[in-house]
Amino acid sequence: MATSENWELFVQNGRHNHKIAVYSHGHAQSARLTEEQLQQTEQFMKSHVPPRNIVRFFSRTRRWFSQKIYNVVAKIKRNRMQGRNMVEEVLRLSAETGYTVFYRNGEDNNVLSDIVVAHLISIAMIRTWPYVLIMDTTYKKNK
């Protein structure tokens, strides 16, 4: 028996007073993606299919897939990064794919202050035409 100022609770029988549900609709276990669906999602990501198109592909069969697919895509990306943060991953991928990377850290701290990522063709073009330079520095700069 548990008591408080206003309530008293008596448990006479600790068993369920109803049969266990035979359907699993709405339960977290049944809402998980199958191993086949996880592999299919990873294959789509390797093919650079945007998450919205992956959702569209799966939503033909089930409506609740939308958020689950986005969660799976984010998990796959985190696993690929192997504990690196976004900046470290950009530097790694840039070097891996043949881009030249220049960056500077702040003088008083170890915070990244400037970064330039350039493809070899772009470097050759700037050497050919050094007086014309178009640069876009505003796309998702706060991310």
N, C-alpha and C. Protein backbone atom coordinates (compact mmCIF):
# COMPACT_ATOMS: atom_id res chain seq x y z
N MET A 1 0.85 -1.17 0.00
CA MET A 1 0.00 0.00 0.00
C MET A 1 0.89 1.23 0.00
N ALA A 2 0.60 2.16 -0.91
CA ALA A 2 1.32 3.43 -0.96
C ALA A 2 0.35 4.54 -0.57
N THR A 3 0.81 5.46 0.24
CA THR A 3 -0.07 6.55 0.68
C THR A 3 0.60 7.89 0.45
N SER A 4 -0.21 8.89 0.32
CA SER A 4 0.24 10.28 0.30
C SER A 4 -0.83 11.08 1.02
N GLU A 5 -0.77 12.39 0.96
CA GLU A 5 -1.74 13.21 1.67
C GLU A 5 -3.17 13.00 1.17
N ASN A 6 -3.36 12.86 -0.14
CA ASN A 6 -4.70 12.82 -0.70
C ASN A 6 -5.11 11.47 -1.27
N TRP A 7 -4.15 10.58 -1.53
CA TRP A 7 -4.47 9.36 -2.25
C TRP A 7 -4.01 8.12 -1.49
N GLU A 8 -4.71 7.06 -1.69
CA GLU A 8 -4.30 5.75 -1.21
C GLU A 8 -4.42 4.78 -2.37
N LEU A 9 -3.45 3.88 -2.50
CA LEU A 9 -3.45 2.92 -3.60
C LEU A 9 -3.32 1.53 -3.02
N PHE A 10 -4.27 0.67 -3.35
CA PHE A 10 -4.26 -0.72 -2.93
C PHE A 10 -4.14 -1.60 -4.16
N VAL A 11 -3.11 -2.43 -4.24
CA VAL A 11 -2.94 -3.37 -5.34
C VAL A 11 -3.41 -4.73 -4.85
N GLN A 12 -4.53 -5.18 -5.39
CA GLN A 12 -5.08 -6.46 -4.96
C GLN A 12 -4.52 -7.61 -5.78
N ASN A 13 -4.34 -7.36 -7.09
CA ASN A 13 -3.84 -8.40 -7.97
C ASN A 13 -2.92 -7.71 -8.99
N GLY A 14 -1.64 -8.05 -9.00
CA GLY A 14 -0.68 -7.38 -9.86
C GLY A 14 -0.67 -7.86 -11.30
N ARG A 15 -1.62 -8.68 -11.69
CA ARG A 15 -1.67 -9.20 -13.06
C ARG A 15 -2.49 -8.27 -13.95
N HIS A 16 -2.31 -8.46 -15.27
CA HIS A 16 -3.12 -7.70 -16.23
C HIS A 16 -4.58 -8.15 -16.11
N ASN A 17 -5.48 -7.20 -16.34
CA ASN A 17 -6.90 -7.55 -16.29
C ASN A 17 -7.49 -7.71 -17.69
N HIS A 18 -6.59 -7.87 -18.67
CA HIS A 18 -7.07 -8.07 -20.04
C HIS A 18 -6.08 -8.98 -20.76
N LYS A 19 -6.51 -9.51 -21.90
CA LYS A 19 -5.63 -10.36 -22.69
C LYS A 19 -4.59 -9.49 -23.39
N ILE A 20 -3.46 -10.08 -23.71
CA ILE A 20 -2.41 -9.36 -24.44
C ILE A 20 -2.88 -9.13 -25.87
N ALA A 21 -2.60 -7.94 -26.40
CA ALA A 21 -3.04 -7.59 -27.75
C ALA A 21 -2.38 -8.52 -28.77
N VAL A 22 -3.16 -8.96 -29.75
CA VAL A 22 -2.66 -9.87 -30.77
C VAL A 22 -2.12 -9.12 -31.98
N TYR A 23 -2.39 -7.85 -32.08
CA TYR A 23 -1.88 -7.06 -33.20
C TYR A 23 -0.80 -6.13 -32.66
N SER A 24 0.16 -5.77 -33.50
CA SER A 24 1.30 -4.97 -33.05
C SER A 24 1.32 -3.59 -33.70
N HIS A 25 0.23 -3.18 -34.29
CA HIS A 25 0.18 -1.89 -34.96
C HIS A 25 0.45 -0.77 -33.95
N GLY A 26 1.38 0.11 -34.27
CA GLY A 26 1.67 1.24 -33.40
C GLY A 26 2.76 0.99 -32.38
N HIS A 27 3.21 -0.25 -32.24
CA HIS A 27 4.28 -0.54 -31.30
C HIS A 27 5.63 -0.26 -31.96
N ALA A 28 6.58 0.17 -31.16
CA ALA A 28 7.89 0.57 -31.68
C ALA A 28 8.60 -0.60 -32.38
N GLN A 29 8.45 -1.79 -31.86
CA GLN A 29 9.12 -2.95 -32.44
C GLN A 29 8.65 -3.20 -33.87
N SER A 30 7.37 -3.09 -34.11
CA SER A 30 6.85 -3.35 -35.45
C SER A 30 7.08 -2.19 -36.39
N ALA A 31 7.42 -1.02 -35.85
CA ALA A 31 7.63 0.16 -36.70
C ALA A 31 9.07 0.27 -37.20
N ARG A 32 9.94 -0.61 -36.73
CA ARG A 32 11.33 -0.56 -37.16
C ARG A 32 11.44 -0.99 -38.61
N LEU A 33 12.51 -0.47 -39.25
CA LEU A 33 12.79 -0.89 -40.62
C LEU A 33 13.39 -2.29 -40.59
N THR A 34 13.07 -3.07 -41.59
CA THR A 34 13.65 -4.40 -41.68
C THR A 34 15.10 -4.29 -42.15
N GLU A 35 15.83 -5.37 -42.02
CA GLU A 35 17.22 -5.37 -42.46
C GLU A 35 17.31 -5.09 -43.96
N GLU A 36 16.37 -5.63 -44.71
CA GLU A 36 16.33 -5.40 -46.16
C GLU A 36 16.09 -3.92 -46.47
N GLN A 37 15.18 -3.29 -45.74
CA GLN A 37 14.90 -1.87 -45.96
C GLN A 37 16.10 -1.00 -45.57
N LEU A 38 16.81 -1.38 -44.51
CA LEU A 38 18.02 -0.65 -44.13
C LEU A 38 19.08 -0.76 -45.22
N GLN A 39 19.28 -1.95 -45.76
CA GLN A 39 20.25 -2.14 -46.83
C GLN A 39 19.86 -1.36 -48.08
N GLN A 40 18.55 -1.35 -48.38
CA GLN A 40 18.07 -0.60 -49.54
C GLN A 40 18.31 0.89 -49.36
N THR A 41 18.08 1.40 -48.15
CA THR A 41 18.32 2.81 -47.87
C THR A 41 19.79 3.14 -48.03
N GLU A 42 20.67 2.29 -47.51
CA GLU A 42 22.10 2.53 -47.66
C GLU A 42 22.52 2.50 -49.12
N GLN A 43 21.93 1.60 -49.89
CA GLN A 43 22.24 1.53 -51.32
C GLN A 43 21.79 2.81 -52.03
N PHE A 44 20.62 3.32 -51.68
CA PHE A 44 20.16 4.59 -52.25
C PHE A 44 21.13 5.72 -51.92
N MET A 45 21.62 5.74 -50.67
CA MET A 45 22.55 6.79 -50.26
C MET A 45 23.86 6.70 -51.03
N LYS A 46 24.35 5.48 -51.27
CA LYS A 46 25.57 5.30 -52.06
C LYS A 46 25.38 5.82 -53.48
N SER A 47 24.15 5.76 -53.97
CA SER A 47 23.83 6.25 -55.31
C SER A 47 23.47 7.72 -55.30
N HIS A 48 23.63 8.39 -54.15
CA HIS A 48 23.36 9.83 -53.99
C HIS A 48 21.90 10.19 -54.24
N VAL A 49 21.00 9.31 -53.86
CA VAL A 49 19.57 9.60 -53.94
C VAL A 49 19.20 10.48 -52.75
N PRO A 50 18.56 11.63 -52.96
CA PRO A 50 18.19 12.49 -51.83
C PRO A 50 17.19 11.79 -50.90
N PRO A 51 17.26 12.10 -49.59
CA PRO A 51 16.35 11.45 -48.64
C PRO A 51 14.88 11.61 -48.99
N ARG A 52 14.49 12.75 -49.56
CA ARG A 52 13.07 12.94 -49.90
C ARG A 52 12.61 11.92 -50.95
N ASN A 53 13.52 11.53 -51.86
CA ASN A 53 13.16 10.52 -52.86
C ASN A 53 13.14 9.12 -52.26
N ILE A 54 14.00 8.88 -51.26
CA ILE A 54 13.96 7.59 -50.55
C ILE A 54 12.64 7.47 -49.81
N VAL A 55 12.23 8.56 -49.15
CA VAL A 55 10.95 8.57 -48.45
C VAL A 55 9.82 8.31 -49.43
N ARG A 56 9.87 8.95 -50.58
CA ARG A 56 8.82 8.78 -51.59
C ARG A 56 8.76 7.33 -52.06
N PHE A 57 9.92 6.70 -52.22
CA PHE A 57 9.96 5.30 -52.64
C PHE A 57 9.29 4.40 -51.62
N PHE A 58 9.63 4.58 -50.34
CA PHE A 58 9.08 3.73 -49.29
C PHE A 58 7.64 4.09 -48.93
N SER A 59 7.24 5.34 -49.11
CA SER A 59 5.90 5.75 -48.68
C SER A 59 4.80 5.15 -49.55
N ARG A 60 5.16 4.52 -50.64
CA ARG A 60 4.16 3.83 -51.44
C ARG A 60 3.53 2.68 -50.66
N THR A 61 4.32 2.13 -49.75
CA THR A 61 3.82 0.98 -48.98
C THR A 61 3.37 1.38 -47.59
N ARG A 62 4.08 2.29 -46.96
CA ARG A 62 3.74 2.67 -45.58
C ARG A 62 3.89 4.17 -45.40
N ARG A 63 2.94 4.80 -44.77
CA ARG A 63 2.93 6.25 -44.60
C ARG A 63 3.87 6.74 -43.51
N TRP A 64 4.12 5.95 -42.48
CA TRP A 64 4.90 6.42 -41.34
C TRP A 64 6.40 6.36 -41.58
N PHE A 65 6.82 5.99 -42.76
CA PHE A 65 8.24 5.85 -43.05
C PHE A 65 8.99 7.17 -43.07
N SER A 66 8.33 8.26 -43.30
CA SER A 66 8.99 9.54 -43.54
C SER A 66 10.07 9.84 -42.50
N GLN A 67 9.72 9.99 -41.25
CA GLN A 67 10.71 10.35 -40.23
C GLN A 67 11.71 9.23 -39.99
N LYS A 68 11.27 7.99 -40.12
CA LYS A 68 12.17 6.87 -39.91
C LYS A 68 13.31 6.87 -40.93
N ILE A 69 12.99 7.18 -42.19
CA ILE A 69 14.01 7.21 -43.23
C ILE A 69 15.02 8.32 -42.94
N TYR A 70 14.53 9.50 -42.57
CA TYR A 70 15.45 10.60 -42.25
C TYR A 70 16.35 10.22 -41.07
N ASN A 71 15.81 9.52 -40.08
CA ASN A 71 16.61 9.08 -38.94
C ASN A 71 17.67 8.06 -39.37
N VAL A 72 17.28 7.14 -40.25
CA VAL A 72 18.23 6.13 -40.73
C VAL A 72 19.33 6.78 -41.55
N VAL A 73 18.97 7.74 -42.41
CA VAL A 73 19.97 8.44 -43.22
C VAL A 73 20.96 9.17 -42.31
N ALA A 74 20.46 9.83 -41.28
CA ALA A 74 21.34 10.54 -40.35
C ALA A 74 22.26 9.56 -39.62
N LYS A 75 21.74 8.40 -39.25
CA LYS A 75 22.54 7.40 -38.54
C LYS A 75 23.64 6.85 -39.44
N ILE A 76 23.31 6.59 -40.71
CA ILE A 76 24.30 6.09 -41.66
C ILE A 76 25.41 7.12 -41.85
N LYS A 77 25.03 8.40 -41.94
CA LYS A 77 26.04 9.46 -42.09
C LYS A 77 26.93 9.55 -40.86
N ARG A 78 26.34 9.45 -39.66
CA ARG A 78 27.14 9.48 -38.43
C ARG A 78 28.11 8.31 -38.38
N ASN A 79 27.66 7.13 -38.81
CA ASN A 79 28.53 5.95 -38.82
C ASN A 79 29.68 6.13 -39.79
N ARG A 80 29.42 6.74 -40.94
CA ARG A 80 30.47 6.98 -41.93
C ARG A 80 31.52 7.97 -41.41
N MET A 81 31.08 8.92 -40.59
CA MET A 81 32.01 9.94 -40.08
C MET A 81 32.92 9.38 -38.99
N GLN A 82 32.58 8.27 -38.38
CA GLN A 82 33.40 7.57 -37.39
C GLN A 82 33.89 8.50 -36.28
N GLY A 83 32.99 9.32 -35.76
CA GLY A 83 33.32 10.18 -34.63
C GLY A 83 33.93 11.53 -34.99
N ARG A 84 34.17 11.77 -36.27
CA ARG A 84 34.71 13.07 -36.68
C ARG A 84 33.59 14.10 -36.70
N ASN A 85 33.95 15.38 -36.48
CA ASN A 85 32.94 16.43 -36.59
C ASN A 85 32.82 16.85 -38.05
N MET A 86 31.92 17.78 -38.35
CA MET A 86 31.63 18.16 -39.73
C MET A 86 32.85 18.72 -40.45
N VAL A 87 33.60 19.58 -39.78
CA VAL A 87 34.77 20.21 -40.42
C VAL A 87 35.83 19.15 -40.72
N GLU A 88 36.09 18.28 -39.78
CA GLU A 88 37.07 17.21 -40.02
C GLU A 88 36.63 16.32 -41.18
N GLU A 89 35.33 16.07 -41.28
CA GLU A 89 34.82 15.23 -42.37
C GLU A 89 34.97 15.93 -43.72
N VAL A 90 34.70 17.23 -43.76
CA VAL A 90 34.88 17.99 -45.00
C VAL A 90 36.34 17.96 -45.44
N LEU A 91 37.26 18.17 -44.49
CA LEU A 91 38.68 18.13 -44.82
C LEU A 91 39.10 16.74 -45.32
N ARG A 92 38.60 15.69 -44.68
CA ARG A 92 38.95 14.34 -45.08
C ARG A 92 38.42 14.01 -46.47
N LEU A 93 37.13 14.33 -46.70
CA LEU A 93 36.53 14.04 -48.01
C LEU A 93 37.17 14.87 -49.12
N SER A 94 37.52 16.11 -48.81
CA SER A 94 38.17 16.96 -49.82
C SER A 94 39.51 16.38 -50.23
N ALA A 95 40.30 15.98 -49.26
CA ALA A 95 41.60 15.39 -49.57
C ALA A 95 41.44 14.05 -50.30
N GLU A 96 40.45 13.28 -49.90
CA GLU A 96 40.22 11.96 -50.50
C GLU A 96 39.79 12.05 -51.96
N THR A 97 39.04 13.10 -52.30
CA THR A 97 38.51 13.22 -53.67
C THR A 97 39.36 14.12 -54.56
N GLY A 98 40.53 14.53 -54.09
CA GLY A 98 41.45 15.26 -54.96
C GLY A 98 41.30 16.77 -54.94
N TYR A 99 40.61 17.32 -53.97
CA TYR A 99 40.50 18.77 -53.85
C TYR A 99 41.68 19.29 -53.05
N THR A 100 42.06 20.53 -53.32
CA THR A 100 43.09 21.19 -52.54
C THR A 100 42.41 21.99 -51.45
N VAL A 101 42.92 21.89 -50.24
CA VAL A 101 42.30 22.55 -49.09
C VAL A 101 43.31 23.46 -48.42
N PHE A 102 42.90 24.71 -48.22
CA PHE A 102 43.68 25.66 -47.43
C PHE A 102 42.80 26.09 -46.27
N TYR A 103 43.36 26.11 -45.07
CA TYR A 103 42.58 26.58 -43.93
C TYR A 103 43.50 27.24 -42.91
N ARG A 104 42.89 28.11 -42.11
CA ARG A 104 43.60 28.82 -41.05
C ARG A 104 42.81 28.73 -39.76
N ASN A 105 43.52 28.55 -38.68
CA ASN A 105 42.90 28.59 -37.36
C ASN A 105 43.12 29.98 -36.76
N GLY A 106 42.27 30.34 -35.81
CA GLY A 106 42.43 31.62 -35.13
C GLY A 106 43.76 31.68 -34.39
N GLU A 107 44.28 32.91 -34.20
CA GLU A 107 45.59 33.07 -33.57
C GLU A 107 45.57 32.71 -32.09
N ASP A 108 44.50 33.11 -31.39
CA ASP A 108 44.45 32.90 -29.95
C ASP A 108 43.73 31.62 -29.54
N ASN A 109 43.05 30.98 -30.47
CA ASN A 109 42.35 29.73 -30.14
C ASN A 109 42.46 28.77 -31.32
N ASN A 110 41.94 27.61 -31.16
CA ASN A 110 42.04 26.59 -32.20
C ASN A 110 40.74 26.50 -33.00
N VAL A 111 40.09 27.64 -33.23
CA VAL A 111 38.84 27.68 -33.96
C VAL A 111 39.14 27.99 -35.43
N LEU A 112 38.52 27.25 -36.31
CA LEU A 112 38.70 27.45 -37.75
C LEU A 112 38.21 28.83 -38.14
N SER A 113 39.06 29.63 -38.76
CA SER A 113 38.65 30.98 -39.15
C SER A 113 38.43 31.09 -40.66
N ASP A 114 39.23 30.43 -41.47
CA ASP A 114 39.09 30.50 -42.93
C ASP A 114 39.31 29.11 -43.51
N ILE A 115 38.57 28.84 -44.58
CA ILE A 115 38.77 27.58 -45.31
C ILE A 115 38.49 27.82 -46.79
N VAL A 116 39.36 27.29 -47.63
CA VAL A 116 39.18 27.37 -49.08
C VAL A 116 39.35 25.96 -49.62
N VAL A 117 38.35 25.48 -50.33
CA VAL A 117 38.40 24.17 -50.96
C VAL A 117 38.30 24.40 -52.46
N ALA A 118 39.30 23.93 -53.20
CA ALA A 118 39.32 24.19 -54.65
C ALA A 118 39.68 22.92 -55.40
N HIS A 119 39.01 22.73 -56.52
CA HIS A 119 39.32 21.60 -57.39
C HIS A 119 40.53 21.97 -58.24
N LEU A 120 41.28 20.97 -58.69
CA LEU A 120 42.49 21.22 -59.48
C LEU A 120 42.18 21.99 -60.76
N ILE A 121 41.03 21.73 -61.36
CA ILE A 121 40.64 22.46 -62.57
C ILE A 121 40.41 23.93 -62.25
N SER A 122 39.80 24.20 -61.10
CA SER A 122 39.57 25.59 -60.70
C SER A 122 40.89 26.31 -60.45
N ILE A 123 41.85 25.62 -59.87
CA ILE A 123 43.17 26.23 -59.64
C ILE A 123 43.85 26.53 -60.97
N ALA A 124 43.73 25.61 -61.93
CA ALA A 124 44.31 25.85 -63.26
C ALA A 124 43.62 27.04 -63.94
N MET A 125 42.29 27.17 -63.76
CA MET A 125 41.58 28.29 -64.37
C MET A 125 41.99 29.62 -63.74
N ILE A 126 42.19 29.67 -62.44
CA ILE A 126 42.58 30.92 -61.79
C ILE A 126 44.00 31.31 -62.17
N ARG A 127 44.83 30.31 -62.46
CA ARG A 127 46.18 30.63 -62.94
C ARG A 127 46.13 31.16 -64.37
N THR A 128 45.17 30.67 -65.16
CA THR A 128 45.04 31.14 -66.54
C THR A 128 44.43 32.54 -66.59
N TRP A 129 43.39 32.77 -65.80
CA TRP A 129 42.70 34.07 -65.76
C TRP A 129 42.73 34.61 -64.32
N PRO A 130 43.84 35.19 -63.89
CA PRO A 130 43.97 35.57 -62.48
C PRO A 130 43.16 36.80 -62.08
N TYR A 131 42.58 37.53 -63.03
CA TYR A 131 41.88 38.77 -62.69
C TYR A 131 40.38 38.60 -62.55
N VAL A 132 39.87 37.42 -62.89
CA VAL A 132 38.44 37.17 -62.79
C VAL A 132 38.24 36.06 -61.76
N LEU A 133 37.51 36.40 -60.71
CA LEU A 133 37.26 35.41 -59.67
C LEU A 133 35.83 35.57 -59.17
N ILE A 134 35.05 34.51 -59.27
CA ILE A 134 33.69 34.51 -58.75
C ILE A 134 33.67 33.52 -57.59
N MET A 135 33.20 33.99 -56.45
CA MET A 135 33.21 33.15 -55.26
C MET A 135 31.87 33.22 -54.57
N ASP A 136 31.35 32.07 -54.20
CA ASP A 136 30.10 32.01 -53.44
C ASP A 136 30.42 31.57 -52.03
N THR A 137 30.19 32.45 -51.05
CA THR A 137 30.56 32.13 -49.67
C THR A 137 29.36 32.16 -48.74
N THR A 138 28.15 32.18 -49.28
CA THR A 138 26.99 32.34 -48.41
C THR A 138 26.16 31.08 -48.22
N TYR A 139 26.40 30.05 -48.97
CA TYR A 139 25.54 28.87 -48.90
C TYR A 139 25.78 28.11 -47.59
N LYS A 140 24.77 28.05 -46.75
CA LYS A 140 24.81 27.33 -45.47
C LYS A 140 26.04 27.68 -44.65
N LYS A 141 26.39 28.95 -44.59
CA LYS A 141 27.61 29.34 -43.90
C LYS A 141 27.51 29.15 -42.38
N ASN A 142 26.30 29.09 -41.83
CA ASN A 142 26.15 28.93 -40.39
C ASN A 142 26.09 27.47 -39.95
N LYS A 143 26.07 26.55 -40.88
CA LYS A 143 25.93 25.14 -40.51
C LYS A 143 27.27 24.57 -40.08
